Amino acid sequence: MARGLRELQHFSAGGQLGGHAFFTLSGTYGFPTELSREEAVSRGMNVSPISRDEFDTLLSEQRARSQKQTTLGAK
């Protein structure tokens, strides 16, 4: 948890937090997306209003890549 909070602070130093930051926190550090958002808002960080849509798009793209790799590996 402490690592996720440090990384959240690191991402916020770049300005507005977008979907990429939340995707990285979730996928790389296992920091839950909703918790990331709640912490960012409670700490007064600037969260992009479209960050949820960006996150969902990145997650869909990652799932598609994973599914494609699984399909290719099964042949």
C-alpha atoms as a PDB file:
ATOM      1  CA  MET A   1       0.000   0.000   0.000  1.00  0.00           C
ATOM      2  CA  ALA A   2       2.800   2.406   0.872  1.00  0.00           C
ATOM      3  CA  ARG A   3       4.425   1.794  -2.502  1.00  0.00           C
ATOM      4  CA  GLY A   4       1.160   2.548  -4.305  1.00  0.00           C
ATOM      5  CA  LEU A   5       0.763   5.803  -2.388  1.00  0.00           C
ATOM      6  CA  ARG A   6       4.342   6.829  -3.227  1.00  0.00           C
ATOM      7  CA  GLU A   7       3.755   6.105  -6.893  1.00  0.00           C
ATOM      8  CA  LEU A   8       0.466   8.006  -6.812  1.00  0.00           C
ATOM      9  CA  GLN A   9       2.357  11.004  -5.442  1.00  0.00           C
ATOM     10  CA  HIS A  10       4.978  10.563  -8.171  1.00  0.00           C
ATOM     11  CA  PHE A  11       2.342  10.534 -10.912  1.00  0.00           C
ATOM     12  CA  SER A  12       0.632  13.597  -9.470  1.00  0.00           C
ATOM     13  CA  ALA A  13       3.882  15.575  -9.713  1.00  0.00           C
ATOM     14  CA  GLY A  14       3.415  15.522 -13.492  1.00  0.00           C
ATOM     15  CA  GLY A  15       0.180  17.507 -13.240  1.00  0.00           C
ATOM     16  CA  GLN A  16      -3.220  16.015 -13.925  1.00  0.00           C
ATOM     17  CA  LEU A  17      -3.747  12.330 -13.149  1.00  0.00           C
ATOM     18  CA  GLY A  18      -5.172  10.504 -16.135  1.00  0.00           C
ATOM     19  CA  GLY A  19      -6.177   6.977 -16.982  1.00  0.00           C
ATOM     20  CA  HIS A  20      -2.593   5.929 -17.736  1.00  0.00           C
ATOM     21  CA  ALA A  21      -1.523   6.692 -14.160  1.00  0.00           C
ATOM     22  CA  PHE A  22      -4.403   4.680 -12.692  1.00  0.00           C
ATOM     23  CA  PHE A  23      -3.789   1.830 -15.162  1.00  0.00           C
ATOM     24  CA  THR A  24      -0.109   1.671 -14.208  1.00  0.00           C
ATOM     25  CA  LEU A  25      -0.864   1.821 -10.500  1.00  0.00           C
ATOM     26  CA  SER A  26      -3.335  -1.014 -10.896  1.00  0.00           C
ATOM     27  CA  GLY A  27      -1.422  -3.251 -13.296  1.00  0.00           C
ATOM     28  CA  THR A  28       2.128  -2.721 -12.084  1.00  0.00           C
ATOM     29  CA  TYR A  29       1.705  -2.101  -8.376  1.00  0.00           C
ATOM     30  CA  GLY A  30      -1.619  -3.833  -7.693  1.00  0.00           C
ATOM     31  CA  PHE A  31      -3.044  -0.605  -6.276  1.00  0.00           C
ATOM     32  CA  PRO A  32      -6.854  -0.745  -6.705  1.00  0.00           C
ATOM     33  CA  THR A  33      -8.185   1.871  -9.123  1.00  0.00           C
ATOM     34  CA  GLU A  34     -11.027   3.098  -6.928  1.00  0.00           C
ATOM     35  CA  LEU A  35      -8.692   3.448  -3.967  1.00  0.00           C
ATOM     36  CA  SER A  36      -6.266   5.392  -6.171  1.00  0.00           C
ATOM     37  CA  ARG A  37      -9.012   7.792  -7.198  1.00  0.00           C
ATOM     38  CA  GLU A  38     -10.283   8.229  -3.643  1.00  0.00           C
ATOM     39  CA  GLU A  39      -6.775   8.891  -2.333  1.00  0.00           C
ATOM     40  CA  ALA A  40      -6.018  11.328  -5.147  1.00  0.00           C
ATOM     41  CA  VAL A  41      -9.192  13.315  -4.492  1.00  0.00           C
ATOM     42  CA  SER A  42      -8.720  13.277  -0.701  1.00  0.00           C
ATOM     43  CA  ARG A  43      -5.163  14.591  -1.153  1.00  0.00           C
ATOM     44  CA  GLY A  44      -6.344  17.387  -3.434  1.00  0.00           C
ATOM     45  CA  MET A  45      -4.665  15.988  -6.549  1.00  0.00           C
ATOM     46  CA  ASN A  46      -5.899  17.023  -9.972  1.00  0.00           C
ATOM     47  CA  VAL A  47      -7.762  14.046 -11.503  1.00  0.00           C
ATOM     48  CA  SER A  48      -8.722  14.202 -15.169  1.00  0.00           C
ATOM     49  CA  PRO A  49     -12.489  14.090 -15.671  1.00  0.00           C
ATOM     50  CA  ILE A  50     -12.000  11.483 -18.411  1.00  0.00           C
ATOM     51  CA  SER A  51      -9.506   9.337 -16.473  1.00  0.00           C
ATOM     52  CA  ARG A  52     -12.065   6.554 -15.988  1.00  0.00           C
ATOM     53  CA  ASP A  53     -12.718   6.355 -19.748  1.00  0.00           C
ATOM     54  CA  GLU A  54      -8.980   6.380 -20.456  1.00  0.00           C
ATOM     55  CA  PHE A  55      -8.433   3.612 -17.897  1.00  0.00           C
ATOM     56  CA  ASP A  56     -11.244   1.512 -19.391  1.00  0.00           C
ATOM     57  CA  THR A  57      -9.792   1.936 -22.892  1.00  0.00           C
ATOM     58  CA  LEU A  58      -6.305   0.896 -21.763  1.00  0.00           C
ATOM     59  CA  LEU A  59      -7.714  -2.104 -19.911  1.00  0.00           C
ATOM     60  CA  SER A  60      -9.730  -3.200 -22.958  1.00  0.00           C
ATOM     61  CA  GLU A  61      -6.651  -2.883 -25.170  1.00  0.00           C
ATOM     62  CA  GLN A  62      -4.579  -4.917 -22.717  1.00  0.00           C
ATOM     63  CA  ARG A  63      -7.235  -7.641 -22.540  1.00  0.00           C
ATOM     64  CA  ALA A  64      -7.393  -7.799 -26.336  1.00  0.00           C
ATOM     65  CA  ARG A  65      -3.596  -8.172 -26.539  1.00  0.00           C
ATOM     66  CA  SER A  66      -3.657 -10.871 -23.896  1.00  0.00           C
ATOM     67  CA  GLN A  67      -6.473 -12.744 -25.617  1.00  0.00           C
ATOM     68  CA  LYS A  68      -4.652 -12.528 -28.954  1.00  0.00           C
ATOM     69  CA  GLN A  69      -1.461 -13.904 -27.379  1.00  0.00           C
ATOM     70  CA  THR A  70      -3.414 -16.748 -25.768  1.00  0.00           C
ATOM     71  CA  THR A  71      -5.043 -17.569 -29.098  1.00  0.00           C
ATOM     72  CA  LEU A  72      -1.709 -17.515 -30.934  1.00  0.00           C
ATOM     73  CA  GLY A  73      -0.102 -19.691 -28.277  1.00  0.00           C
ATOM     74  CA  ALA A  74      -2.854 -22.317 -28.560  1.00  0.00           C
ATOM     75  CA  LYS A  75      -2.138 -23.005 -32.238  1.00  0.00           C
END
